[in-house]
C-alpha atoms as a PDB file:
ATOM      1  CA  UNK A   1     -28.833   9.123  16.464  1.00  0.00           C
ATOM      2  CA  UNK A   2     -30.760   7.202  13.816  1.00  0.00           C
ATOM      3  CA  UNK A   3     -28.249   4.838  12.659  1.00  0.00           C
ATOM      4  CA  UNK A   4     -27.723   3.435  15.986  1.00  0.00           C
ATOM      5  CA  UNK A   5     -31.518   2.559  16.587  1.00  0.00           C
ATOM      6  CA  UNK A   6     -31.368   0.860  13.055  1.00  0.00           C
ATOM      7  CA  UNK A   7     -28.503  -1.415  14.115  1.00  0.00           C
ATOM      8  CA  UNK A   8     -29.614  -2.099  17.754  1.00  0.00           C
ATOM      9  CA  UNK A   9     -33.261  -3.500  15.928  1.00  0.00           C
ATOM     10  CA  UNK A  10     -31.455  -5.735  13.821  1.00  0.00           C
ATOM     11  CA  UNK A  11     -28.790  -6.938  15.756  1.00  0.00           C
ATOM     12  CA  UNK A  12     -30.234 -10.323  17.354  1.00  0.00           C
ATOM     13  CA  UNK A  13     -28.938 -12.003  20.309  1.00  0.00           C
ATOM     14  CA  UNK A  14     -26.304 -15.197  20.152  1.00  0.00           C
ATOM     15  CA  UNK A  15     -28.252 -18.827  20.592  1.00  0.00           C
ATOM     16  CA  UNK A  16     -25.529 -21.103  20.340  1.00  0.00           C
ATOM     17  CA  UNK A  17     -28.442 -24.098  20.399  1.00  0.00           C
ATOM     18  CA  UNK A  18     -29.941 -22.466  17.137  1.00  0.00           C
ATOM     19  CA  UNK A  19     -28.365 -23.946  13.985  1.00  0.00           C
ATOM     20  CA  UNK A  20     -27.308 -21.486  11.144  1.00  0.00           C
ATOM     21  CA  UNK A  21     -28.593 -23.461   8.247  1.00  0.00           C
ATOM     22  CA  UNK A  22     -25.881 -21.448   6.056  1.00  0.00           C
ATOM     23  CA  UNK A  23     -22.973 -23.826   7.758  1.00  0.00           C
ATOM     24  CA  UNK A  24     -21.927 -26.803   6.894  1.00  0.00           C
ATOM     25  CA  UNK A  25     -23.130 -29.572   8.675  1.00  0.00           C
ATOM     26  CA  UNK A  26     -20.918 -31.605  10.626  1.00  0.00           C
ATOM     27  CA  UNK A  27     -19.098 -34.590   9.612  1.00  0.00           C
ATOM     28  CA  UNK A  28     -20.643 -38.258  10.079  1.00  0.00           C
ATOM     29  CA  UNK A  29     -18.839 -40.446  12.420  1.00  0.00           C
ATOM     30  CA  UNK A  30     -17.632 -42.819  10.004  1.00  0.00           C
ATOM     31  CA  UNK A  31     -16.448 -40.268   7.951  1.00  0.00           C
ATOM     32  CA  UNK A  32     -14.278 -38.955  10.545  1.00  0.00           C
ATOM     33  CA  UNK A  33     -13.403 -42.713  11.972  1.00  0.00           C
ATOM     34  CA  UNK A  34     -12.859 -43.966   8.428  1.00  0.00           C
ATOM     35  CA  UNK A  35     -10.627 -40.816   7.443  1.00  0.00           C
ATOM     36  CA  UNK A  36      -8.070 -41.160  10.805  1.00  0.00           C
ATOM     37  CA  UNK A  37      -7.766 -45.124  10.965  1.00  0.00           C
ATOM     38  CA  UNK A  38      -7.006 -44.935   6.996  1.00  0.00           C
ATOM     39  CA  UNK A  39      -4.463 -41.586   7.673  1.00  0.00           C
ATOM     40  CA  UNK A  40      -2.861 -43.887  10.354  1.00  0.00           C
ATOM     41  CA  UNK A  41      -2.739 -46.894   8.759  1.00  0.00           C
ATOM     42  CA  UNK A  42      -0.823 -45.081   5.819  1.00  0.00           C
ATOM     43  CA  UNK A  43       1.610 -43.134   7.793  1.00  0.00           C
ATOM     44  CA  UNK A  44       2.401 -46.621   9.986  1.00  0.00           C
ATOM     45  CA  UNK A  45       2.803 -48.660   6.963  1.00  0.00           C
ATOM     46  CA  UNK A  46       5.284 -45.598   5.509  1.00  0.00           C
ATOM     47  CA  UNK A  47       6.621 -45.634   8.820  1.00  0.00           C
ATOM     48  CA  UNK A  48       7.533 -49.750   8.760  1.00  0.00           C
ATOM     49  CA  UNK A  49       8.840 -49.910   5.481  1.00  0.00           C
ATOM     50  CA  UNK A  50      11.303 -46.780   6.492  1.00  0.00           C
ATOM     51  CA  UNK A  51      12.271 -48.564   9.515  1.00  0.00           C
ATOM     52  CA  UNK A  52      12.849 -51.762   7.356  1.00  0.00           C
ATOM     53  CA  UNK A  53      14.760 -49.811   4.706  1.00  0.00           C
ATOM     54  CA  UNK A  54      16.581 -48.365   7.266  1.00  0.00           C
ATOM     55  CA  UNK A  55      17.547 -51.313   9.162  1.00  0.00           C
ATOM     56  CA  UNK A  56      18.207 -53.781   6.502  1.00  0.00           C
ATOM     57  CA  UNK A  57      20.688 -51.270   4.908  1.00  0.00           C
ATOM     58  CA  UNK A  58      19.446 -52.170   0.796  1.00  0.00           C
ATOM     59  CA  UNK A  59      20.860 -49.245  -0.846  1.00  0.00           C
ATOM     60  CA  UNK A  60      19.939 -47.512  -3.856  1.00  0.00           C
ATOM     61  CA  UNK A  61      17.142 -50.072  -4.436  1.00  0.00           C
ATOM     62  CA  UNK A  62      15.315 -49.566  -1.138  1.00  0.00           C
ATOM     63  CA  UNK A  63      15.700 -45.474  -1.638  1.00  0.00           C
ATOM     64  CA  UNK A  64      14.146 -45.874  -4.766  1.00  0.00           C
ATOM     65  CA  UNK A  65      11.140 -48.411  -3.032  1.00  0.00           C
ATOM     66  CA  UNK A  66      10.860 -46.088  -0.496  1.00  0.00           C
ATOM     67  CA  UNK A  67      10.372 -42.910  -2.651  1.00  0.00           C
ATOM     68  CA  UNK A  68       8.165 -45.398  -4.653  1.00  0.00           C
ATOM     69  CA  UNK A  69       5.974 -45.882  -1.251  1.00  0.00           C
ATOM     70  CA  UNK A  70       6.016 -42.106  -0.152  1.00  0.00           C
ATOM     71  CA  UNK A  71       4.208 -41.224  -3.398  1.00  0.00           C
ATOM     72  CA  UNK A  72       2.159 -43.672  -3.367  1.00  0.00           C
ATOM     73  CA  UNK A  73       0.909 -42.693   0.776  1.00  0.00           C
ATOM     74  CA  UNK A  74       1.233 -38.838  -0.231  1.00  0.00           C
ATOM     75  CA  UNK A  75      -1.678 -40.141  -2.891  1.00  0.00           C
ATOM     76  CA  UNK A  76      -3.340 -41.228  -0.498  1.00  0.00           C
ATOM     77  CA  UNK A  77      -3.619 -38.861   1.928  1.00  0.00           C
ATOM     78  CA  UNK A  78      -4.563 -36.715  -0.973  1.00  0.00           C
ATOM     79  CA  UNK A  79      -7.064 -38.836  -1.868  1.00  0.00           C
ATOM     80  CA  UNK A  80      -8.667 -38.939   1.863  1.00  0.00           C
ATOM     81  CA  UNK A  81      -8.340 -34.743   1.675  1.00  0.00           C
ATOM     82  CA  UNK A  82     -11.102 -35.021  -0.544  1.00  0.00           C
ATOM     83  CA  UNK A  83     -12.697 -37.566   0.990  1.00  0.00           C
ATOM     84  CA  UNK A  84     -12.833 -35.791   4.084  1.00  0.00           C
ATOM     85  CA  UNK A  85     -14.374 -33.063   2.294  1.00  0.00           C
ATOM     86  CA  UNK A  86     -17.658 -34.870   0.564  1.00  0.00           C
ATOM     87  CA  UNK A  87     -16.484 -35.610  -2.910  1.00  0.00           C
ATOM     88  CA  UNK A  88     -19.075 -38.118  -3.958  1.00  0.00           C
ATOM     89  CA  UNK A  89     -16.530 -39.676  -6.547  1.00  0.00           C
ATOM     90  CA  UNK A  90     -14.501 -40.972  -3.261  1.00  0.00           C
ATOM     91  CA  UNK A  91     -17.432 -42.826  -2.158  1.00  0.00           C
ATOM     92  CA  UNK A  92     -17.317 -44.729  -5.232  1.00  0.00           C
ATOM     93  CA  UNK A  93     -13.595 -45.331  -5.545  1.00  0.00           C
ATOM     94  CA  UNK A  94     -14.039 -46.258  -1.770  1.00  0.00           C
ATOM     95  CA  UNK A  95     -16.507 -48.824  -1.993  1.00  0.00           C
ATOM     96  CA  UNK A  96     -14.544 -50.634  -5.344  1.00  0.00           C
ATOM     97  CA  UNK A  97     -11.500 -50.160  -2.995  1.00  0.00           C
ATOM     98  CA  UNK A  98     -13.511 -52.014   0.225  1.00  0.00           C
ATOM     99  CA  UNK A  99     -13.992 -54.927  -2.057  1.00  0.00           C
ATOM    100  CA  UNK A 100     -10.689 -55.557  -3.473  1.00  0.00           C
ATOM    101  CA  UNK A 101      -9.366 -55.390   0.235  1.00  0.00           C
ATOM    102  CA  UNK A 102     -11.865 -57.661   1.072  1.00  0.00           C
ATOM    103  CA  UNK A 103     -11.020 -60.316  -1.565  1.00  0.00           C
ATOM    104  CA  UNK A 104      -7.377 -59.819  -0.656  1.00  0.00           C
ATOM    105  CA  UNK A 105      -7.728 -60.610   3.155  1.00  0.00           C
ATOM    106  CA  UNK A 106     -10.168 -63.524   2.393  1.00  0.00           C
ATOM    107  CA  UNK A 107      -7.094 -64.458  -0.135  1.00  0.00           C
ATOM    108  CA  UNK A 108      -5.054 -64.136   2.756  1.00  0.00           C
ATOM    109  CA  UNK A 109      -6.809 -66.403   5.263  1.00  0.00           C
ATOM    110  CA  UNK A 110      -5.847 -69.278   3.318  1.00  0.00           C
ATOM    111  CA  UNK A 111      -2.554 -68.472   3.426  1.00  0.00           C
ATOM    112  CA  UNK A 112      -2.329 -67.898   7.678  1.00  0.00           C
ATOM    113  CA  UNK A 113      -3.980 -71.731   8.174  1.00  0.00           C
ATOM    114  CA  UNK A 114      -0.993 -73.269   5.810  1.00  0.00           C
ATOM    115  CA  UNK A 115       1.771 -71.815   7.072  1.00  0.00           C
ATOM    116  CA  UNK A 116       2.872 -74.128   9.830  1.00  0.00           C
ATOM    117  CA  UNK A 117       3.768 -70.870  12.285  1.00  0.00           C
ATOM    118  CA  UNK A 118       0.642 -68.691  12.846  1.00  0.00           C
ATOM    119  CA  UNK A 119       0.868 -65.404  12.142  1.00  0.00           C
ATOM    120  CA  UNK A 120       1.326 -63.040  15.362  1.00  0.00           C
ATOM    121  CA  UNK A 121       2.445 -60.249  16.358  1.00  0.00           C
ATOM    122  CA  UNK A 122       0.960 -56.758  15.858  1.00  0.00           C
ATOM    123  CA  UNK A 123      -0.096 -57.234  12.477  1.00  0.00           C
ATOM    124  CA  UNK A 124      -2.413 -60.054  12.535  1.00  0.00           C
ATOM    125  CA  UNK A 125      -4.821 -58.090  15.526  1.00  0.00           C
ATOM    126  CA  UNK A 126      -4.573 -54.643  13.101  1.00  0.00           C
ATOM    127  CA  UNK A 127      -5.525 -56.409   9.996  1.00  0.00           C
ATOM    128  CA  UNK A 128      -8.395 -58.135  11.596  1.00  0.00           C
ATOM    129  CA  UNK A 129      -9.920 -54.634  12.751  1.00  0.00           C
ATOM    130  CA  UNK A 130      -9.119 -53.448   9.566  1.00  0.00           C
ATOM    131  CA  UNK A 131     -11.122 -56.147   7.751  1.00  0.00           C
ATOM    132  CA  UNK A 132     -14.211 -55.855  10.499  1.00  0.00           C
ATOM    133  CA  UNK A 133     -13.646 -51.838  10.157  1.00  0.00           C
ATOM    134  CA  UNK A 134     -13.980 -52.343   6.386  1.00  0.00           C
ATOM    135  CA  UNK A 135     -17.179 -54.488   6.092  1.00  0.00           C
ATOM    136  CA  UNK A 136     -18.887 -52.107   8.721  1.00  0.00           C
ATOM    137  CA  UNK A 137     -17.391 -49.023   6.360  1.00  0.00           C
ATOM    138  CA  UNK A 138     -18.835 -50.625   3.209  1.00  0.00           C
ATOM    139  CA  UNK A 139     -22.489 -51.245   4.808  1.00  0.00           C
ATOM    140  CA  UNK A 140     -22.302 -47.370   6.306  1.00  0.00           C
ATOM    141  CA  UNK A 141     -21.076 -46.389   2.460  1.00  0.00           C
ATOM    142  CA  UNK A 142     -24.144 -48.010   0.848  1.00  0.00           C
ATOM    143  CA  UNK A 143     -26.607 -46.202   3.338  1.00  0.00           C
ATOM    144  CA  UNK A 144     -28.802 -43.236   2.852  1.00  0.00           C
ATOM    145  CA  UNK A 145     -27.249 -40.814   5.124  1.00  0.00           C
ATOM    146  CA  UNK A 146     -23.976 -41.117   3.442  1.00  0.00           C
ATOM    147  CA  UNK A 147     -25.505 -41.357  -0.220  1.00  0.00           C
ATOM    148  CA  UNK A 148     -27.231 -37.997   1.285  1.00  0.00           C
ATOM    149  CA  UNK A 149     -24.081 -36.551   2.675  1.00  0.00           C
ATOM    150  CA  UNK A 150     -21.688 -37.201  -0.269  1.00  0.00           C
ATOM    151  CA  UNK A 151     -23.910 -35.624  -2.770  1.00  0.00           C
ATOM    152  CA  UNK A 152     -24.994 -33.105  -0.514  1.00  0.00           C
ATOM    153  CA  UNK A 153     -21.894 -31.967  -0.434  1.00  0.00           C
ATOM    154  CA  UNK A 154     -20.606 -32.764  -4.165  1.00  0.00           C
ATOM    155  CA  UNK A 155     -23.874 -30.118  -5.215  1.00  0.00           C
ATOM    156  CA  UNK A 156     -22.415 -27.129  -2.536  1.00  0.00           C
ATOM    157  CA  UNK A 157     -18.728 -27.633  -3.558  1.00  0.00           C
END
């Protein structure tokens, strides 16, 4: 049949190693790691706040504070979704937030050494890892790869 010959000539074999230029590029690894890290920190902070609220039994004020923290956590997760999608405005927002977070952590270092009992346990290592990771993310967001990724995504979305 004439129709079958036309489709047989236009059909190409699948090559999984060949990149299709119409498909979106893979997300950079720092973007994946930072989104997962910040999402985990947000969920853990909310879980910790809920645990403290339940164990202390603060009543209505505790429930209101927990409701505010839930709405803030949902806002952060909503923001991280747009960051994951590569929106250009999120890159700028993250850079400003990283500068503010670094200033906050550097201010807290003075409190750690002035306290009689040094901060131990779980939160000090997490804050240290977060501080070092934030420095790396600030560096990465200034690289050409990050700028290209976010501007490319902004143009195609």
